[in-house]
PDB file of N, CA and C in Angstrom:
ATOM      1  N   MET A   1      96.328  61.573 166.579  1.00  0.00           N
ATOM      2  CA  MET A   1      95.854  59.711 166.152  1.00  0.00           C
ATOM      3  C   MET A   1      94.426  60.697 165.847  1.00  0.00           C
ATOM      4  N   ALA A   2      92.943  60.044 164.719  1.00  0.00           N
ATOM      5  CA  ALA A   2      92.488  59.906 164.774  1.00  0.00           C
ATOM      6  C   ALA A   2      91.523  59.168 165.253  1.00  0.00           C
ATOM      7  N   ARG A   3      90.140  59.316 165.476  1.00  0.00           N
ATOM      8  CA  ARG A   3      89.103  59.497 166.538  1.00  0.00           C
ATOM      9  C   ARG A   3      88.744  57.951 165.790  1.00  0.00           C
ATOM     10  N   GLN A   4      88.319  57.157 166.155  1.00  0.00           N
ATOM     11  CA  GLN A   4      87.163  56.433 165.299  1.00  0.00           C
ATOM     12  C   GLN A   4      86.038  56.926 165.387  1.00  0.00           C
ATOM     13  N   PRO A   5      85.135  56.452 164.962  1.00  0.00           N
ATOM     14  CA  PRO A   5      83.358  57.109 164.756  1.00  0.00           C
ATOM     15  C   PRO A   5      82.673  55.797 165.701  1.00  0.00           C
ATOM     16  N   THR A   6      82.355  56.214 166.211  1.00  0.00           N
ATOM     17  CA  THR A   6      81.776  55.466 167.285  1.00  0.00           C
ATOM     18  C   THR A   6      80.088  54.734 166.884  1.00  0.00           C
ATOM     19  N   ALA A   7      80.084  54.015 167.105  1.00  0.00           N
ATOM     20  CA  ALA A   7      77.990  52.919 166.078  1.00  0.00           C
ATOM     21  C   ALA A   7      77.562  53.289 165.723  1.00  0.00           C
ATOM     22  N   ALA A   8      76.468  54.610 166.525  1.00  0.00           N
ATOM     23  CA  ALA A   8      75.595  55.329 165.782  1.00  0.00           C
ATOM     24  C   ALA A   8      76.444  55.938 164.863  1.00  0.00           C
ATOM     25  N   GLN A   9      77.780  56.954 165.234  1.00  0.00           N
ATOM     26  CA  GLN A   9      77.630  58.071 163.317  1.00  0.00           C
ATOM     27  C   GLN A   9      78.302  56.366 162.876  1.00  0.00           C
ATOM     28  N   ALA A  10      79.554  55.701 162.632  1.00  0.00           N
ATOM     29  CA  ALA A  10      79.241  54.753 161.679  1.00  0.00           C
ATOM     30  C   ALA A  10      77.549  54.131 160.638  1.00  0.00           C
ATOM     31  N   ALA A  11      76.621  54.237 161.204  1.00  0.00           N
ATOM     32  CA  ALA A  11      74.722  53.458 161.054  1.00  0.00           C
ATOM     33  C   ALA A  11      74.880  54.897 160.297  1.00  0.00           C
ATOM     34  N   PHE A  12      74.770  55.898 161.346  1.00  0.00           N
ATOM     35  CA  PHE A  12      74.838  57.039 160.586  1.00  0.00           C
ATOM     36  C   PHE A  12      75.658  57.144 158.643  1.00  0.00           C
ATOM     37  N   ALA A  13      76.687  57.156 158.442  1.00  0.00           N
ATOM     38  CA  ALA A  13      77.680  57.432 157.391  1.00  0.00           C
ATOM     39  C   ALA A  13      77.049  56.113 156.840  1.00  0.00           C
ATOM     40  N   ARG A  14      76.808  54.649 157.412  1.00  0.00           N
ATOM     41  CA  ARG A  14      75.625  54.587 156.405  1.00  0.00           C
ATOM     42  C   ARG A  14      74.460  54.563 156.095  1.00  0.00           C
ATOM     43  N   GLN A  15      73.602  54.394 156.438  1.00  0.00           N
ATOM     44  CA  GLN A  15      72.577  55.162 156.894  1.00  0.00           C
ATOM     45  C   GLN A  15      72.256  55.883 155.177  1.00  0.00           C
ATOM     46  N   MET A  16      73.104  57.207 155.084  1.00  0.00           N
ATOM     47  CA  MET A  16      73.889  58.030 154.522  1.00  0.00           C
ATOM     48  C   MET A  16      73.796  57.508 151.984  1.00  0.00           C
ATOM     49  N   ARG A  17      74.629  57.149 153.415  1.00  0.00           N
ATOM     50  CA  ARG A  17      75.393  56.548 152.123  1.00  0.00           C
ATOM     51  C   ARG A  17      74.068  55.861 151.070  1.00  0.00           C
ATOM     52  N   VAL A  18      74.017  54.665 152.193  1.00  0.00           N
ATOM     53  CA  VAL A  18      72.090  54.314 150.934  1.00  0.00           C
ATOM     54  C   VAL A  18      71.171  55.042 149.764  1.00  0.00           C
ATOM     55  N   VAL A  19      71.001  55.845 150.916  1.00  0.00           N
ATOM     56  CA  VAL A  19      70.184  56.919 150.316  1.00  0.00           C
ATOM     57  C   VAL A  19      71.216  57.808 149.180  1.00  0.00           C
ATOM     58  N   ALA A  20      72.212  58.083 149.265  1.00  0.00           N
ATOM     59  CA  ALA A  20      72.922  59.048 147.736  1.00  0.00           C
ATOM     60  C   ALA A  20      73.115  57.644 146.511  1.00  0.00           C
ATOM     61  N   LEU A  21      73.044  56.461 147.112  1.00  0.00           N
ATOM     62  CA  LEU A  21      73.792  55.219 146.025  1.00  0.00           C
ATOM     63  C   LEU A  21      72.467  55.167 145.816  1.00  0.00           C
ATOM     64  N   VAL A  22      71.291  55.193 146.994  1.00  0.00           N
ATOM     65  CA  VAL A  22      69.757  54.828 145.545  1.00  0.00           C
ATOM     66  C   VAL A  22      70.326  56.147 144.644  1.00  0.00           C
ATOM     67  N   ILE A  23      70.187  57.430 144.769  1.00  0.00           N
ATOM     68  CA  ILE A  23      70.009  58.541 144.067  1.00  0.00           C
ATOM     69  C   ILE A  23      70.994  59.070 142.967  1.00  0.00           C
ATOM     70  N   ALA A  24      71.766  58.349 143.210  1.00  0.00           N
ATOM     71  CA  ALA A  24      72.890  58.448 142.024  1.00  0.00           C
ATOM     72  C   ALA A  24      72.647  56.805 141.207  1.00  0.00           C
ATOM     73  N   GLY A  25      71.717  55.903 141.462  1.00  0.00           N
ATOM     74  CA  GLY A  25      71.221  54.924 140.926  1.00  0.00           C
ATOM     75  C   GLY A  25      70.305  54.770 139.998  1.00  0.00           C
ATOM     76  N   THR A  26      69.015  55.508 140.777  1.00  0.00           N
ATOM     77  CA  THR A  26      67.539  55.934 139.721  1.00  0.00           C
ATOM     78  C   THR A  26      68.290  56.674 139.113  1.00  0.00           C
ATOM     79  N   THR A  27      69.059  57.518 138.943  1.00  0.00           N
ATOM     80  CA  THR A  27      68.910  58.549 138.182  1.00  0.00           C
ATOM     81  C   THR A  27      69.958  57.982 136.843  1.00  0.00           C
ATOM     82  N   LEU A  28      71.246  57.641 137.541  1.00  0.00           N
ATOM     83  CA  LEU A  28      71.750  56.090 136.603  1.00  0.00           C
ATOM     84  C   LEU A  28      70.854  55.204 135.456  1.00  0.00           C
ATOM     85  N   LEU A  29      69.308  54.782 136.102  1.00  0.00           N
ATOM     86  CA  LEU A  29      68.757  54.095 135.452  1.00  0.00           C
ATOM     87  C   LEU A  29      67.648  54.219 134.225  1.00  0.00           C
ATOM     88  N   TRP A  30      67.477  55.315 135.563  1.00  0.00           N
ATOM     89  CA  TRP A  30      66.392  56.412 134.669  1.00  0.00           C
ATOM     90  C   TRP A  30      66.942  56.172 133.212  1.00  0.00           C
ATOM     91  N   LEU A  31      68.135  56.981 132.865  1.00  0.00           N
ATOM     92  CA  LEU A  31      68.904  57.734 132.089  1.00  0.00           C
ATOM     93  C   LEU A  31      68.728  56.321 131.086  1.00  0.00           C
ATOM     94  N   VAL A  32      68.970  55.303 131.553  1.00  0.00           N
ATOM     95  CA  VAL A  32      70.012  54.589 130.311  1.00  0.00           C
ATOM     96  C   VAL A  32      68.503  53.640 130.156  1.00  0.00           C
ATOM     97  N   LEU A  33      67.811  53.027 130.440  1.00  0.00           N
ATOM     98  CA  LEU A  33      66.497  53.339 130.333  1.00  0.00           C
ATOM     99  C   LEU A  33      65.261  53.515 129.177  1.00  0.00           C
ATOM    100  N   GLY A  34      65.595  55.100 130.030  1.00  0.00           N
ATOM    101  CA  GLY A  34      64.552  56.079 129.096  1.00  0.00           C
ATOM    102  C   GLY A  34      65.407  56.132 127.520  1.00  0.00           C
ATOM    103  N   GLU A  35      67.186  56.035 127.516  1.00  0.00           N
ATOM    104  CA  GLU A  35      67.206  55.357 126.111  1.00  0.00           C
ATOM    105  C   GLU A  35      67.300  54.352 125.636  1.00  0.00           C
ATOM    106  N   ILE A  36      67.744  53.241 126.220  1.00  0.00           N
ATOM    107  CA  ILE A  36      66.844  52.006 125.607  1.00  0.00           C
ATOM    108  C   ILE A  36      65.542  52.554 125.256  1.00  0.00           C
ATOM    109  N   GLY A  37      64.781  52.866 125.995  1.00  0.00           N
ATOM    110  CA  GLY A  37      63.316  53.097 125.303  1.00  0.00           C
ATOM    111  C   GLY A  37      62.582  53.530 124.185  1.00  0.00           C
ATOM    112  N   ARG A  38      63.663  55.018 124.180  1.00  0.00           N
ATOM    113  CA  ARG A  38      63.451  54.851 123.102  1.00  0.00           C
ATOM    114  C   ARG A  38      64.128  55.524 121.290  1.00  0.00           C
ATOM    115  N   GLN A  39      65.180  54.471 121.690  1.00  0.00           N
ATOM    116  CA  GLN A  39      65.844  53.109 121.187  1.00  0.00           C
ATOM    117  C   GLN A  39      65.059  52.471 120.454  1.00  0.00           C
ATOM    118  N   TYR A  40      64.725  51.322 121.318  1.00  0.00           N
ATOM    119  CA  TYR A  40      63.741  50.370 120.191  1.00  0.00           C
ATOM    120  C   TYR A  40      62.408  50.704 120.914  1.00  0.00           C
ATOM    121  N   GLY A  41      61.871  51.977 120.681  1.00  0.00           N
ATOM    122  CA  GLY A  41      60.609  52.956 120.146  1.00  0.00           C
ATOM    123  C   GLY A  41      59.404  51.993 121.495  1.00  0.00           C
ATOM    124  N   TRP A  42      60.478  51.794 122.397  1.00  0.00           N
ATOM    125  CA  TRP A  42      58.419  51.018 123.289  1.00  0.00           C
ATOM    126  C   TRP A  42      57.396  52.249 123.591  1.00  0.00           C
ATOM    127  N   GLU A  43      56.368  51.868 123.980  1.00  0.00           N
ATOM    128  CA  GLU A  43      55.643  52.783 124.409  1.00  0.00           C
ATOM    129  C   GLU A  43      55.474  53.025 125.336  1.00  0.00           C
ATOM    130  N   ALA A  44      54.309  54.705 125.344  1.00  0.00           N
ATOM    131  CA  ALA A  44      55.173  55.572 125.471  1.00  0.00           C
ATOM    132  C   ALA A  44      54.107  55.508 127.350  1.00  0.00           C
ATOM    133  N   ARG A  45      53.945  54.450 127.772  1.00  0.00           N
ATOM    134  CA  ARG A  45      53.346  53.884 129.306  1.00  0.00           C
ATOM    135  C   ARG A  45      54.583  53.130 129.369  1.00  0.00           C
ATOM    136  N   TYR A  46      55.173  52.665 129.607  1.00  0.00           N
ATOM    137  CA  TYR A  46      56.553  52.125 129.633  1.00  0.00           C
ATOM    138  C   TYR A  46      57.796  52.415 130.112  1.00  0.00           C
ATOM    139  N   ALA A  47      57.580  54.230 129.711  1.00  0.00           N
ATOM    140  CA  ALA A  47      58.212  55.195 129.374  1.00  0.00           C
ATOM    141  C   ALA A  47      58.425  56.307 131.312  1.00  0.00           C
ATOM    142  N   PHE A  48      56.541  55.937 130.577  1.00  0.00           N
ATOM    143  CA  PHE A  48      55.639  55.792 132.148  1.00  0.00           C
ATOM    144  C   PHE A  48      55.937  55.584 133.545  1.00  0.00           C
ATOM    145  N   LEU A  49      55.942  54.693 133.006  1.00  0.00           N
ATOM    146  CA  LEU A  49      56.163  53.702 134.184  1.00  0.00           C
ATOM    147  C   LEU A  49      57.509  53.580 134.990  1.00  0.00           C
ATOM    148  N   ILE A  50      58.023  54.295 133.917  1.00  0.00           N
ATOM    149  CA  ILE A  50      59.613  53.828 134.564  1.00  0.00           C
ATOM    150  C   ILE A  50      59.532  55.218 135.240  1.00  0.00           C
ATOM    151  N   ASP A  51      59.345  56.270 134.907  1.00  0.00           N
ATOM    152  CA  ASP A  51      59.424  57.822 135.427  1.00  0.00           C
ATOM    153  C   ASP A  51      59.373  57.971 137.239  1.00  0.00           C
ATOM    154  N   LEU A  52      57.333  56.904 136.851  1.00  0.00           N
ATOM    155  CA  LEU A  52      57.354  56.492 137.836  1.00  0.00           C
ATOM    156  C   LEU A  52      58.430  56.058 138.937  1.00  0.00           C
ATOM    157  N   ALA A  53      58.396  54.532 139.021  1.00  0.00           N
ATOM    158  CA  ALA A  53      59.478  53.900 139.698  1.00  0.00           C
ATOM    159  C   ALA A  53      60.575  55.050 139.781  1.00  0.00           C
ATOM    160  N   ALA A  54      60.827  56.287 139.432  1.00  0.00           N
ATOM    161  CA  ALA A  54      61.972  56.916 139.849  1.00  0.00           C
ATOM    162  C   ALA A  54      61.842  57.712 140.456  1.00  0.00           C
ATOM    163  N   LEU A  55      60.345  57.989 140.558  1.00  0.00           N
ATOM    164  CA  LEU A  55      60.249  59.069 141.106  1.00  0.00           C
ATOM    165  C   LEU A  55      59.503  58.988 142.456  1.00  0.00           C
ATOM    166  N   ALA A  56      59.475  57.281 142.802  1.00  0.00           N
ATOM    167  CA  ALA A  56      58.689  56.380 144.240  1.00  0.00           C
ATOM    168  C   ALA A  56      60.371  56.231 144.134  1.00  0.00           C
ATOM    169  N   ALA A  57      61.858  56.081 143.815  1.00  0.00           N
ATOM    170  CA  ALA A  57      63.225  55.716 144.900  1.00  0.00           C
ATOM    171  C   ALA A  57      63.423  57.266 144.823  1.00  0.00           C
ATOM    172  N   TYR A  58      63.068  58.282 144.496  1.00  0.00           N
ATOM    173  CA  TYR A  58      63.305  60.182 144.770  1.00  0.00           C
ATOM    174  C   TYR A  58      62.660  60.284 146.094  1.00  0.00           C
ATOM    175  N   VAL A  59      61.222  60.183 146.108  1.00  0.00           N
ATOM    176  CA  VAL A  59      60.335  59.905 147.021  1.00  0.00           C
ATOM    177  C   VAL A  59      60.737  58.954 148.847  1.00  0.00           C
ATOM    178  N   TRP A  60      61.127  58.006 148.381  1.00  0.00           N
ATOM    179  CA  TRP A  60      61.923  57.819 148.814  1.00  0.00           C
ATOM    180  C   TRP A  60      63.267  58.234 149.222  1.00  0.00           C
ATOM    181  N   ALA A  61      64.588  58.804 148.628  1.00  0.00           N
ATOM    182  CA  ALA A  61      65.858  58.729 149.410  1.00  0.00           C
ATOM    183  C   ALA A  61      65.175  60.386 150.213  1.00  0.00           C
ATOM    184  N   LEU A  62      64.044  61.164 149.488  1.00  0.00           N
ATOM    185  CA  LEU A  62      63.917  62.296 150.735  1.00  0.00           C
ATOM    186  C   LEU A  62      63.459  62.178 151.427  1.00  0.00           C
ATOM    187  N   ILE A  63      62.250  61.467 151.907  1.00  0.00           N
ATOM    188  CA  ILE A  63      61.954  61.291 153.574  1.00  0.00           C
ATOM    189  C   ILE A  63      63.015  60.400 154.078  1.00  0.00           C
ATOM    190  N   ASN A  64      63.610  59.424 153.128  1.00  0.00           N
ATOM    191  CA  ASN A  64      65.359  59.047 154.317  1.00  0.00           C
ATOM    192  C   ASN A  64      65.737  60.027 154.994  1.00  0.00           C
ATOM    193  N   ALA A  65      66.508  61.033 153.834  1.00  0.00           N
ATOM    194  CA  ALA A  65      66.703  61.570 154.290  1.00  0.00           C
ATOM    195  C   ALA A  65      66.880  62.206 155.034  1.00  0.00           C
ATOM    196  N   TRP A  66      66.176  62.768 154.679  1.00  0.00           N
ATOM    197  CA  TRP A  66      64.942  64.238 156.155  1.00  0.00           C
ATOM    198  C   TRP A  66      65.166  63.744 157.064  1.00  0.00           C
ATOM    199  N   GLN A  67      64.086  62.658 157.998  1.00  0.00           N
ATOM    200  CA  GLN A  67      64.089  61.625 158.962  1.00  0.00           C
ATOM    201  C   GLN A  67      65.464  61.437 158.901  1.00  0.00           C
ATOM    202  N   LEU A  68      67.210  61.475 158.812  1.00  0.00           N
ATOM    203  CA  LEU A  68      68.388  61.240 158.807  1.00  0.00           C
ATOM    204  C   LEU A  68      68.744  62.294 160.192  1.00  0.00           C
ATOM    205  N   TRP A  69      68.163  63.245 158.546  1.00  0.00           N
ATOM    206  CA  TRP A  69      68.832  65.177 159.331  1.00  0.00           C
ATOM    207  C   TRP A  69      68.064  65.267 160.794  1.00  0.00           C
ATOM    208  N   ARG A  70      67.465  64.456 160.694  1.00  0.00           N
ATOM    209  CA  ARG A  70      65.981  65.112 161.968  1.00  0.00           C
ATOM    210  C   ARG A  70      66.786  64.334 163.078  1.00  0.00           C
ATOM    211  N   LYS A  71      67.103  63.028 162.871  1.00  0.00           N
ATOM    212  CA  LYS A  71      68.131  62.430 163.477  1.00  0.00           C
ATOM    213  C   LYS A  71      68.891  63.058 164.233  1.00  0.00           C
ATOM    214  N   ARG A  72      69.790  63.317 162.481  1.00  0.00           N
ATOM    215  CA  ARG A  72      71.321  63.912 163.411  1.00  0.00           C
ATOM    216  C   ARG A  72      70.709  65.220 164.369  1.00  0.00           C
ATOM    217  N   ARG A  73      69.976  65.880 163.758  1.00  0.00           N
ATOM    218  CA  ARG A  73      70.168  67.734 164.327  1.00  0.00           C
ATOM    219  C   ARG A  73      69.303  67.237 166.153  1.00  0.00           C
ATOM    220  N   ASP A  74      68.741  66.265 166.494  1.00  0.00           N
ATOM    221  CA  ASP A  74      67.686  65.787 167.554  1.00  0.00           C
ATOM    222  C   ASP A  74      68.806  65.807 168.846  1.00  0.00           C
ATOM    223  N   THR A  75      69.911  64.747 168.517  1.00  0.00           N
ATOM    224  CA  THR A  75      70.997  65.088 168.646  1.00  0.00           C
ATOM    225  C   THR A  75      71.885  65.520 169.778  1.00  0.00           C
TER     226      THR A  75
END
């Protein structure tokens, strides 16, 4: 019989899924917006803005994944 995860384990798994979705969603959105920008001839400043937004999302995900890794390591 399989054990049910505790509330803390379920919360940890949920937080890691959010981090994974942010990484995957950011990558997909970054690629799509970059291609749309090339097709429609957007100015370089818009591409730069998209790149900065993607970088911010990646940094957020990295910080949160690191914090979750530390929390799991310390328990």
